[in-house]
Amino acid sequence: MAKTAEYEGYTIQSRPYYDTNWDKWQIRILISCESPQGVRTREFSSMVLYGTEQEADIHGVTFGQHLIEGKVEGQSVMDMKTPDRRVMPRLRVQFRTTFTEASRLEGMGLMLDLSLGGCRIESPVPVVPGFSLELRIHVPDLEWPIMIEAASVQWVSGLMFGLAFFQLKEAERQHLEQLINHLMEGESTAG
């Protein structure tokens, strides 16, 4: 069937998968969007099964719309439109960072680099790509930690992992911008 829909600047393409074990159809969709690096596409699926391919198709498009609206826990498309992290200045830092994942996981780590779009953290606490973490960045000389409401784990390598920020309050975004500008000024005078 492969239903296709445009929604809020994204293209949702439904490609239902027939599960022979259950004799049912599973939602499987591709979501695409334009980014500064060209078209980015990512596959998503749902564990809900449907009796017909048409049902899975219809529900697949709805599932895609919910993903785009940020209503599907643990899955997001927010980082698909952000510029490649190398486009944003990445600054070497060493900030103590605490993080939580839907109240099931709590951890501490050391932030090793930071940009407006994300960061890299070293921590003994195991995380998995796709996890959505709440982050507190403890910056020396700041009274309160900078709070990132939601950051998505992009990659994991040993004790290191990379995060893309996709949800923070406007006031926190301004604090983050001020911090990065301050760090960049420090780098230019040191260099």
N, C-alpha and C. Protein backbone atom coordinates (compact mmCIF):
# COMPACT_ATOMS: atom_id res chain seq x y z
N MET A 1 0.83 -1.19 0.00
CA MET A 1 0.00 0.00 0.00
C MET A 1 0.87 1.26 0.00
N ALA A 2 1.81 1.34 0.92
CA ALA A 2 2.76 2.44 1.02
C ALA A 2 2.10 3.81 0.91
N LYS A 3 1.37 4.16 1.96
CA LYS A 3 0.74 5.47 2.06
C LYS A 3 1.82 6.52 2.37
N THR A 4 1.73 7.69 1.73
CA THR A 4 2.68 8.77 1.99
C THR A 4 1.92 10.02 2.39
N ALA A 5 2.42 10.74 3.40
CA ALA A 5 1.76 11.97 3.84
C ALA A 5 2.82 13.02 4.18
N GLU A 6 2.49 14.28 3.89
CA GLU A 6 3.34 15.40 4.29
C GLU A 6 2.77 15.93 5.60
N TYR A 7 3.65 16.22 6.57
CA TYR A 7 3.17 16.71 7.86
C TYR A 7 4.24 17.58 8.50
N GLU A 8 3.93 18.85 8.72
CA GLU A 8 4.82 19.81 9.40
C GLU A 8 6.25 19.78 8.87
N GLY A 9 6.39 19.75 7.56
CA GLY A 9 7.73 19.79 6.96
C GLY A 9 8.43 18.44 6.86
N TYR A 10 7.77 17.38 7.28
CA TYR A 10 8.32 16.02 7.20
C TYR A 10 7.49 15.20 6.20
N THR A 11 8.09 14.18 5.63
CA THR A 11 7.36 13.23 4.80
C THR A 11 7.28 11.91 5.56
N ILE A 12 6.07 11.41 5.73
CA ILE A 12 5.85 10.13 6.41
C ILE A 12 5.50 9.11 5.34
N GLN A 13 6.25 8.02 5.27
CA GLN A 13 5.97 6.96 4.31
C GLN A 13 5.69 5.68 5.09
N SER A 14 4.48 5.16 4.93
CA SER A 14 4.10 3.94 5.63
C SER A 14 4.51 2.73 4.81
N ARG A 15 5.19 1.80 5.46
CA ARG A 15 5.60 0.55 4.81
C ARG A 15 5.31 -0.61 5.77
N PRO A 16 4.04 -0.98 5.90
CA PRO A 16 3.68 -2.03 6.86
C PRO A 16 4.47 -3.32 6.62
N TYR A 17 4.74 -4.01 7.72
CA TYR A 17 5.52 -5.26 7.67
C TYR A 17 4.60 -6.40 8.09
N TYR A 18 4.59 -7.46 7.29
CA TYR A 18 3.75 -8.61 7.61
C TYR A 18 4.52 -9.57 8.50
N ASP A 19 4.01 -9.79 9.70
CA ASP A 19 4.65 -10.69 10.67
C ASP A 19 4.01 -12.08 10.54
N THR A 20 4.77 -13.02 9.96
CA THR A 20 4.22 -14.37 9.71
C THR A 20 3.96 -15.13 11.01
N ASN A 21 4.71 -14.82 12.07
CA ASN A 21 4.50 -15.50 13.36
C ASN A 21 3.10 -15.23 13.91
N TRP A 22 2.63 -14.01 13.74
CA TRP A 22 1.34 -13.61 14.31
C TRP A 22 0.24 -13.51 13.26
N ASP A 23 0.62 -13.63 11.98
CA ASP A 23 -0.35 -13.48 10.89
C ASP A 23 -1.02 -12.11 10.97
N LYS A 24 -0.20 -11.09 11.27
CA LYS A 24 -0.71 -9.72 11.44
C LYS A 24 0.28 -8.75 10.80
N TRP A 25 -0.16 -7.48 10.69
CA TRP A 25 0.66 -6.41 10.11
C TRP A 25 1.17 -5.49 11.20
N GLN A 26 2.45 -5.11 11.07
CA GLN A 26 3.09 -4.21 12.04
C GLN A 26 3.37 -2.87 11.36
N ILE A 27 3.20 -1.78 12.14
CA ILE A 27 3.53 -0.44 11.63
C ILE A 27 5.03 -0.34 11.42
N ARG A 28 5.42 0.09 10.24
CA ARG A 28 6.81 0.43 9.95
C ARG A 28 6.76 1.65 9.05
N ILE A 29 7.41 2.74 9.45
CA ILE A 29 7.35 3.98 8.66
C ILE A 29 8.74 4.56 8.45
N LEU A 30 8.87 5.33 7.40
CA LEU A 30 10.07 6.12 7.14
C LEU A 30 9.66 7.58 7.27
N ILE A 31 10.45 8.36 8.01
CA ILE A 31 10.20 9.80 8.12
C ILE A 31 11.41 10.50 7.51
N SER A 32 11.14 11.42 6.59
CA SER A 32 12.20 12.16 5.90
C SER A 32 11.99 13.65 6.08
N CYS A 33 13.09 14.40 6.03
CA CYS A 33 12.99 15.86 6.05
C CYS A 33 14.23 16.46 5.41
N GLU A 34 14.11 17.71 5.00
CA GLU A 34 15.25 18.45 4.46
C GLU A 34 16.07 18.94 5.65
N SER A 35 17.39 18.82 5.56
CA SER A 35 18.28 19.37 6.58
C SER A 35 19.38 20.11 5.83
N PRO A 36 20.22 20.87 6.54
CA PRO A 36 21.31 21.57 5.85
C PRO A 36 22.23 20.62 5.08
N GLN A 37 22.26 19.34 5.44
CA GLN A 37 23.11 18.36 4.76
C GLN A 37 22.37 17.57 3.69
N GLY A 38 21.13 17.97 3.36
CA GLY A 38 20.34 17.24 2.37
C GLY A 38 19.19 16.51 3.06
N VAL A 39 18.61 15.55 2.38
CA VAL A 39 17.45 14.83 2.93
C VAL A 39 17.93 13.79 3.93
N ARG A 40 17.33 13.80 5.13
CA ARG A 40 17.62 12.79 6.14
C ARG A 40 16.39 11.91 6.28
N THR A 41 16.61 10.59 6.39
CA THR A 41 15.51 9.64 6.54
C THR A 41 15.82 8.72 7.70
N ARG A 42 14.79 8.39 8.47
CA ARG A 42 14.95 7.47 9.59
C ARG A 42 13.75 6.53 9.64
N GLU A 43 13.99 5.26 10.01
CA GLU A 43 12.90 4.28 10.10
C GLU A 43 12.42 4.17 11.54
N PHE A 44 11.11 4.06 11.71
CA PHE A 44 10.50 3.85 13.02
C PHE A 44 9.49 2.71 12.89
N SER A 45 9.25 2.02 14.00
CA SER A 45 8.20 0.99 13.98
C SER A 45 7.50 0.97 15.32
N SER A 46 6.35 0.33 15.34
CA SER A 46 5.56 0.19 16.56
C SER A 46 5.31 -1.30 16.75
N MET A 47 5.21 -1.73 17.99
CA MET A 47 4.99 -3.16 18.27
C MET A 47 3.51 -3.55 18.16
N VAL A 48 2.64 -2.55 17.96
CA VAL A 48 1.20 -2.84 17.83
C VAL A 48 0.96 -3.55 16.50
N LEU A 49 0.15 -4.61 16.53
CA LEU A 49 -0.14 -5.38 15.31
C LEU A 49 -1.59 -5.16 14.87
N TYR A 50 -1.80 -5.21 13.54
CA TYR A 50 -3.12 -4.98 12.96
C TYR A 50 -3.51 -6.13 12.06
N GLY A 51 -4.82 -6.33 11.92
CA GLY A 51 -5.34 -7.44 11.12
C GLY A 51 -5.13 -7.28 9.62
N THR A 52 -5.14 -6.03 9.14
CA THR A 52 -4.98 -5.82 7.69
C THR A 52 -3.86 -4.83 7.42
N GLU A 53 -3.34 -4.92 6.20
CA GLU A 53 -2.27 -3.99 5.77
C GLU A 53 -2.81 -2.56 5.76
N GLN A 54 -4.06 -2.40 5.35
CA GLN A 54 -4.67 -1.07 5.28
C GLN A 54 -4.74 -0.42 6.66
N GLU A 55 -5.14 -1.20 7.69
CA GLU A 55 -5.19 -0.67 9.06
C GLU A 55 -3.80 -0.22 9.51
N ALA A 56 -2.79 -1.06 9.26
CA ALA A 56 -1.41 -0.72 9.65
C ALA A 56 -0.94 0.53 8.92
N ASP A 57 -1.36 0.68 7.66
CA ASP A 57 -1.02 1.86 6.85
C ASP A 57 -1.59 3.13 7.48
N ILE A 58 -2.88 3.11 7.77
CA ILE A 58 -3.58 4.28 8.32
C ILE A 58 -2.98 4.64 9.68
N HIS A 59 -2.81 3.62 10.55
CA HIS A 59 -2.26 3.87 11.88
C HIS A 59 -0.79 4.28 11.80
N GLY A 60 -0.09 3.82 10.76
CA GLY A 60 1.32 4.18 10.58
C GLY A 60 1.49 5.67 10.36
N VAL A 61 0.62 6.26 9.53
CA VAL A 61 0.69 7.70 9.27
C VAL A 61 0.38 8.47 10.56
N THR A 62 -0.63 8.02 11.30
CA THR A 62 -0.97 8.66 12.58
C THR A 62 0.20 8.55 13.56
N PHE A 63 0.82 7.37 13.62
CA PHE A 63 1.99 7.15 14.48
C PHE A 63 3.10 8.14 14.10
N GLY A 64 3.32 8.33 12.80
CA GLY A 64 4.33 9.28 12.32
C GLY A 64 4.02 10.70 12.76
N GLN A 65 2.75 11.09 12.68
CA GLN A 65 2.35 12.44 13.10
C GLN A 65 2.60 12.62 14.60
N HIS A 66 2.30 11.60 15.38
CA HIS A 66 2.54 11.67 16.83
C HIS A 66 4.03 11.77 17.13
N LEU A 67 4.85 11.04 16.37
CA LEU A 67 6.31 11.13 16.53
C LEU A 67 6.79 12.55 16.27
N ILE A 68 6.31 13.14 15.17
CA ILE A 68 6.71 14.50 14.79
C ILE A 68 6.27 15.51 15.85
N GLU A 69 5.11 15.27 16.46
CA GLU A 69 4.60 16.16 17.51
C GLU A 69 5.31 15.93 18.85
N GLY A 70 6.18 14.92 18.92
CA GLY A 70 6.90 14.63 20.17
C GLY A 70 6.06 13.89 21.19
N LYS A 71 5.04 13.16 20.74
CA LYS A 71 4.13 12.48 21.67
C LYS A 71 4.44 11.00 21.86
N VAL A 72 5.52 10.49 21.24
CA VAL A 72 5.88 9.08 21.40
C VAL A 72 7.09 9.01 22.32
N GLU A 73 6.89 8.42 23.50
CA GLU A 73 7.95 8.38 24.50
C GLU A 73 9.17 7.59 24.01
N GLY A 74 10.33 8.19 24.19
CA GLY A 74 11.58 7.50 23.85
C GLY A 74 11.96 7.56 22.38
N GLN A 75 11.12 8.15 21.51
CA GLN A 75 11.45 8.27 20.09
C GLN A 75 11.16 9.70 19.65
N SER A 76 12.06 10.26 18.82
CA SER A 76 11.89 11.64 18.40
C SER A 76 12.52 11.87 17.04
N VAL A 77 12.01 12.87 16.34
CA VAL A 77 12.59 13.29 15.06
C VAL A 77 13.21 14.67 15.20
N MET A 78 13.20 15.25 16.40
CA MET A 78 13.64 16.63 16.61
C MET A 78 15.04 16.90 16.08
N ASP A 79 15.95 15.96 16.25
CA ASP A 79 17.33 16.19 15.86
C ASP A 79 17.56 16.04 14.35
N MET A 80 16.55 15.57 13.60
CA MET A 80 16.73 15.34 12.16
C MET A 80 16.93 16.64 11.39
N LYS A 81 16.33 17.72 11.85
CA LYS A 81 16.42 19.00 11.13
C LYS A 81 17.58 19.86 11.64
N THR A 82 18.15 19.51 12.78
CA THR A 82 19.24 20.33 13.30
C THR A 82 20.46 20.16 12.41
N PRO A 83 21.24 21.22 12.28
CA PRO A 83 22.44 21.10 11.46
C PRO A 83 23.38 20.06 12.03
N ASP A 84 24.21 19.52 11.19
CA ASP A 84 25.22 18.57 11.64
C ASP A 84 25.99 19.19 12.80
N ARG A 85 26.26 18.42 13.84
CA ARG A 85 26.87 19.01 15.03
C ARG A 85 28.21 19.68 14.75
N ARG A 86 28.88 19.31 13.67
CA ARG A 86 30.16 19.93 13.35
C ARG A 86 30.00 21.36 12.82
N VAL A 87 28.78 21.73 12.42
CA VAL A 87 28.53 23.08 11.95
C VAL A 87 28.54 24.05 13.13
N MET A 88 28.09 23.58 14.28
CA MET A 88 28.07 24.42 15.48
C MET A 88 29.43 24.30 16.17
N PRO A 89 29.92 25.43 16.72
CA PRO A 89 31.21 25.33 17.41
C PRO A 89 31.12 24.35 18.57
N ARG A 90 32.10 23.48 18.64
CA ARG A 90 32.16 22.50 19.72
C ARG A 90 33.31 22.90 20.64
N LEU A 91 33.01 23.11 21.89
CA LEU A 91 34.01 23.62 22.83
C LEU A 91 34.42 22.55 23.82
N ARG A 92 35.69 22.45 24.07
CA ARG A 92 36.19 21.50 25.06
C ARG A 92 35.90 22.05 26.45
N VAL A 93 35.26 21.25 27.28
CA VAL A 93 34.90 21.67 28.63
C VAL A 93 35.12 20.50 29.58
N GLN A 94 35.01 20.77 30.86
CA GLN A 94 34.98 19.70 31.87
C GLN A 94 33.99 20.12 32.93
N PHE A 95 32.71 19.78 32.69
CA PHE A 95 31.65 20.13 33.63
C PHE A 95 31.04 18.86 34.19
N ARG A 96 30.83 18.86 35.52
CA ARG A 96 30.13 17.74 36.14
C ARG A 96 28.69 17.77 35.63
N THR A 97 28.16 16.63 35.27
CA THR A 97 26.83 16.54 34.68
C THR A 97 26.06 15.40 35.33
N THR A 98 24.80 15.65 35.64
CA THR A 98 23.94 14.58 36.15
C THR A 98 22.82 14.38 35.12
N PHE A 99 22.37 13.14 35.00
CA PHE A 99 21.32 12.85 34.02
C PHE A 99 20.38 11.78 34.57
N THR A 100 19.14 11.84 34.07
CA THR A 100 18.13 10.83 34.42
C THR A 100 17.39 10.44 33.15
N GLU A 101 16.91 9.21 33.14
CA GLU A 101 16.14 8.70 32.00
C GLU A 101 14.83 8.17 32.54
N ALA A 102 13.75 8.93 32.33
CA ALA A 102 12.39 8.53 32.73
C ALA A 102 12.36 7.89 34.13
N SER A 103 13.09 8.46 35.05
CA SER A 103 13.17 8.05 36.46
C SER A 103 13.65 6.61 36.68
N ARG A 104 14.05 5.91 35.60
CA ARG A 104 14.55 4.54 35.78
C ARG A 104 16.07 4.52 35.93
N LEU A 105 16.72 5.55 35.37
CA LEU A 105 18.17 5.54 35.35
C LEU A 105 18.65 6.89 35.86
N GLU A 106 19.64 6.86 36.73
CA GLU A 106 20.26 8.10 37.18
C GLU A 106 21.75 7.93 37.07
N GLY A 107 22.43 9.00 36.67
CA GLY A 107 23.87 8.88 36.54
C GLY A 107 24.56 10.22 36.64
N MET A 108 25.88 10.12 36.78
CA MET A 108 26.74 11.29 36.80
C MET A 108 27.83 11.06 35.79
N GLY A 109 28.30 12.15 35.22
CA GLY A 109 29.39 12.03 34.27
C GLY A 109 30.14 13.33 34.15
N LEU A 110 31.13 13.32 33.26
CA LEU A 110 31.94 14.49 33.00
C LEU A 110 31.70 14.89 31.55
N MET A 111 31.17 16.12 31.36
CA MET A 111 30.97 16.63 30.02
C MET A 111 32.32 17.05 29.46
N LEU A 112 32.66 16.54 28.27
CA LEU A 112 33.98 16.81 27.69
C LEU A 112 33.93 17.81 26.55
N ASP A 113 32.79 17.92 25.87
CA ASP A 113 32.63 19.01 24.92
C ASP A 113 31.16 19.39 24.84
N LEU A 114 30.93 20.63 24.36
CA LEU A 114 29.60 21.21 24.41
C LEU A 114 29.40 22.12 23.20
N SER A 115 28.20 22.06 22.63
CA SER A 115 27.78 23.02 21.59
C SER A 115 26.33 23.36 21.88
N LEU A 116 25.78 24.29 21.11
CA LEU A 116 24.35 24.63 21.29
C LEU A 116 23.46 23.45 20.97
N GLY A 117 23.94 22.53 20.12
CA GLY A 117 23.11 21.41 19.68
C GLY A 117 23.29 20.12 20.46
N GLY A 118 24.33 20.03 21.30
CA GLY A 118 24.55 18.77 22.01
C GLY A 118 25.86 18.77 22.77
N CYS A 119 26.27 17.56 23.21
CA CYS A 119 27.49 17.45 24.00
C CYS A 119 28.00 16.01 23.97
N ARG A 120 29.18 15.83 24.56
CA ARG A 120 29.77 14.50 24.72
C ARG A 120 30.05 14.32 26.21
N ILE A 121 29.68 13.16 26.72
CA ILE A 121 29.81 12.89 28.16
C ILE A 121 30.57 11.59 28.36
N GLU A 122 31.39 11.56 29.40
CA GLU A 122 32.06 10.33 29.83
C GLU A 122 31.42 9.93 31.16
N SER A 123 30.93 8.67 31.22
CA SER A 123 30.26 8.20 32.43
C SER A 123 30.31 6.68 32.49
N PRO A 124 30.46 6.13 33.71
CA PRO A 124 30.42 4.67 33.83
C PRO A 124 29.00 4.11 33.74
N VAL A 125 27.98 4.98 33.74
CA VAL A 125 26.59 4.52 33.68
C VAL A 125 26.24 4.16 32.23
N PRO A 126 25.82 2.91 31.96
CA PRO A 126 25.53 2.51 30.58
C PRO A 126 24.24 3.15 30.05
N VAL A 127 24.33 3.73 28.85
CA VAL A 127 23.14 4.26 28.17
C VAL A 127 23.07 3.61 26.79
N VAL A 128 21.96 3.78 26.12
CA VAL A 128 21.72 3.14 24.84
C VAL A 128 21.29 4.21 23.83
N PRO A 129 21.77 4.14 22.57
CA PRO A 129 21.30 5.10 21.58
C PRO A 129 19.78 5.11 21.50
N GLY A 130 19.21 6.31 21.42
CA GLY A 130 17.75 6.44 21.39
C GLY A 130 17.17 6.83 22.75
N PHE A 131 17.93 6.58 23.85
CA PHE A 131 17.47 7.01 25.17
C PHE A 131 17.24 8.52 25.15
N SER A 132 16.24 8.97 25.85
CA SER A 132 15.99 10.39 26.04
C SER A 132 16.36 10.72 27.49
N LEU A 133 17.33 11.61 27.67
CA LEU A 133 17.81 11.93 29.01
C LEU A 133 17.47 13.36 29.39
N GLU A 134 17.21 13.57 30.67
CA GLU A 134 17.12 14.91 31.23
C GLU A 134 18.51 15.19 31.79
N LEU A 135 19.01 16.38 31.54
CA LEU A 135 20.42 16.68 31.84
C LEU A 135 20.54 17.92 32.70
N ARG A 136 21.45 17.89 33.66
CA ARG A 136 21.80 19.08 34.44
C ARG A 136 23.30 19.30 34.29
N ILE A 137 23.66 20.45 33.76
CA ILE A 137 25.07 20.79 33.54
C ILE A 137 25.51 21.72 34.68
N HIS A 138 26.43 21.23 35.51
CA HIS A 138 26.90 22.00 36.66
C HIS A 138 28.14 22.79 36.25
N VAL A 139 27.93 24.09 36.02
CA VAL A 139 29.00 24.96 35.55
C VAL A 139 29.55 25.72 36.75
N PRO A 140 30.89 25.67 36.96
CA PRO A 140 31.47 26.46 38.04
C PRO A 140 31.09 27.93 37.85
N ASP A 141 30.88 28.65 38.93
CA ASP A 141 30.52 30.07 38.94
C ASP A 141 29.06 30.34 38.55
N LEU A 142 28.29 29.30 38.21
CA LEU A 142 26.85 29.50 37.98
C LEU A 142 26.12 28.99 39.22
N GLU A 143 25.16 29.78 39.68
CA GLU A 143 24.44 29.43 40.90
C GLU A 143 23.62 28.14 40.73
N TRP A 144 22.96 27.99 39.56
CA TRP A 144 22.12 26.83 39.30
C TRP A 144 22.64 26.07 38.09
N PRO A 145 22.44 24.75 38.04
CA PRO A 145 22.84 24.01 36.83
C PRO A 145 21.96 24.40 35.64
N ILE A 146 22.52 24.30 34.44
CA ILE A 146 21.73 24.50 33.23
C ILE A 146 20.96 23.20 33.01
N MET A 147 19.67 23.34 32.78
CA MET A 147 18.78 22.17 32.68
C MET A 147 18.36 21.94 31.23
N ILE A 148 18.68 20.77 30.70
CA ILE A 148 18.21 20.36 29.37
C ILE A 148 17.09 19.36 29.62
N GLU A 149 15.87 19.70 29.23
CA GLU A 149 14.72 18.83 29.52
C GLU A 149 14.80 17.49 28.81
N ALA A 150 15.29 17.50 27.56
CA ALA A 150 15.39 16.25 26.82
C ALA A 150 16.56 16.31 25.84
N ALA A 151 17.41 15.30 25.93
CA ALA A 151 18.54 15.14 25.02
C ALA A 151 18.55 13.68 24.59
N SER A 152 18.75 13.45 23.31
CA SER A 152 18.69 12.09 22.76
C SER A 152 20.10 11.53 22.60
N VAL A 153 20.31 10.31 23.11
CA VAL A 153 21.62 9.65 22.96
C VAL A 153 21.79 9.27 21.49
N GLN A 154 22.83 9.82 20.85
CA GLN A 154 23.08 9.60 19.42
C GLN A 154 24.01 8.42 19.18
N TRP A 155 25.01 8.28 20.03
CA TRP A 155 26.00 7.21 19.87
C TRP A 155 26.61 6.89 21.22
N VAL A 156 27.16 5.67 21.33
CA VAL A 156 27.84 5.23 22.55
C VAL A 156 29.13 4.55 22.13
N SER A 157 30.23 4.88 22.79
CA SER A 157 31.51 4.23 22.52
C SER A 157 32.26 4.09 23.84
N GLY A 158 32.29 2.87 24.36
CA GLY A 158 32.93 2.64 25.67
C GLY A 158 32.19 3.42 26.74
N LEU A 159 32.93 4.27 27.47
CA LEU A 159 32.32 5.08 28.53
C LEU A 159 31.82 6.43 28.02
N MET A 160 31.98 6.68 26.74
CA MET A 160 31.58 7.97 26.14
C MET A 160 30.24 7.83 25.43
N PHE A 161 29.47 8.92 25.43
CA PHE A 161 28.28 8.96 24.60
C PHE A 161 28.00 10.39 24.17
N GLY A 162 27.35 10.51 23.00
CA GLY A 162 27.02 11.82 22.45
C GLY A 162 25.52 12.06 22.55
N LEU A 163 25.18 13.31 22.86
CA LEU A 163 23.78 13.69 23.01
C LEU A 163 23.42 14.82 22.07
N ALA A 164 22.20 14.79 21.54
CA ALA A 164 21.64 15.92 20.78
C ALA A 164 20.53 16.51 21.64
N PHE A 165 20.62 17.82 21.90
CA PHE A 165 19.60 18.50 22.70
C PHE A 165 18.37 18.71 21.84
N PHE A 166 17.18 18.34 22.36
CA PHE A 166 15.99 18.63 21.57
C PHE A 166 14.85 19.24 22.36
N GLN A 167 15.03 19.47 23.65
CA GLN A 167 13.97 20.16 24.39
C GLN A 167 14.57 20.89 25.57
N LEU A 168 14.49 22.21 25.53
CA LEU A 168 14.90 23.00 26.68
C LEU A 168 14.09 24.29 26.69
N LYS A 169 13.85 24.80 27.90
CA LYS A 169 13.07 26.02 28.05
C LYS A 169 13.88 27.19 27.49
N GLU A 170 13.19 28.23 27.07
CA GLU A 170 13.84 29.40 26.46
C GLU A 170 14.89 30.01 27.39
N ALA A 171 14.58 30.13 28.67
CA ALA A 171 15.54 30.71 29.62
C ALA A 171 16.81 29.86 29.70
N GLU A 172 16.65 28.53 29.67
CA GLU A 172 17.81 27.63 29.73
C GLU A 172 18.63 27.72 28.44
N ARG A 173 17.93 27.87 27.30
CA ARG A 173 18.63 28.01 26.02
C ARG A 173 19.49 29.28 26.05
N GLN A 174 18.93 30.36 26.62
CA GLN A 174 19.68 31.62 26.72
C GLN A 174 20.90 31.45 27.62
N HIS A 175 20.74 30.74 28.74
CA HIS A 175 21.90 30.48 29.63
C HIS A 175 22.98 29.70 28.89
N LEU A 176 22.55 28.70 28.11
CA LEU A 176 23.49 27.88 27.34
C LEU A 176 24.22 28.74 26.31
N GLU A 177 23.48 29.60 25.61
CA GLU A 177 24.09 30.50 24.62
C GLU A 177 25.11 31.43 25.28
N GLN A 178 24.73 32.01 26.44
CA GLN A 178 25.64 32.90 27.17
C GLN A 178 26.91 32.16 27.57
N LEU A 179 26.75 30.94 28.07
CA LEU A 179 27.90 30.13 28.48
C LEU A 179 28.82 29.87 27.29
N ILE A 180 28.24 29.47 26.14
CA ILE A 180 29.04 29.16 24.96
C ILE A 180 29.75 30.42 24.45
N ASN A 181 29.05 31.56 24.42
CA ASN A 181 29.68 32.82 24.01
C ASN A 181 30.83 33.18 24.93
N HIS A 182 30.62 33.00 26.24
CA HIS A 182 31.66 33.28 27.24
C HIS A 182 32.88 32.37 27.01
N LEU A 183 32.61 31.07 26.77
CA LEU A 183 33.71 30.12 26.52
C LEU A 183 34.46 30.45 25.23
N MET A 184 33.71 30.86 24.20
CA MET A 184 34.35 31.21 22.92
C MET A 184 35.22 32.46 23.06
N GLU A 185 34.77 33.43 23.84
CA GLU A 185 35.57 34.62 24.09
C GLU A 185 36.85 34.24 24.80
N GLY A 186 36.75 33.32 25.76
CA GLY A 186 37.92 32.85 26.50
C GLY A 186 38.90 32.15 25.58
N GLU A 187 38.37 31.34 24.62
CA GLU A 187 39.24 30.63 23.69
C GLU A 187 39.96 31.59 22.74
N SER A 188 39.25 32.63 22.27
CA SER A 188 39.88 33.55 21.31
C SER A 188 40.96 34.39 21.98
N THR A 189 40.79 34.75 23.26
CA THR A 189 41.83 35.53 23.94
C THR A 189 43.01 34.63 24.32
N ALA A 190 42.73 33.34 24.59
CA ALA A 190 43.81 32.41 24.94
C ALA A 190 44.62 32.04 23.71
N GLY A 191 43.98 32.02 22.53
CA GLY A 191 44.64 31.58 21.31
C GLY A 191 45.32 32.73 20.66
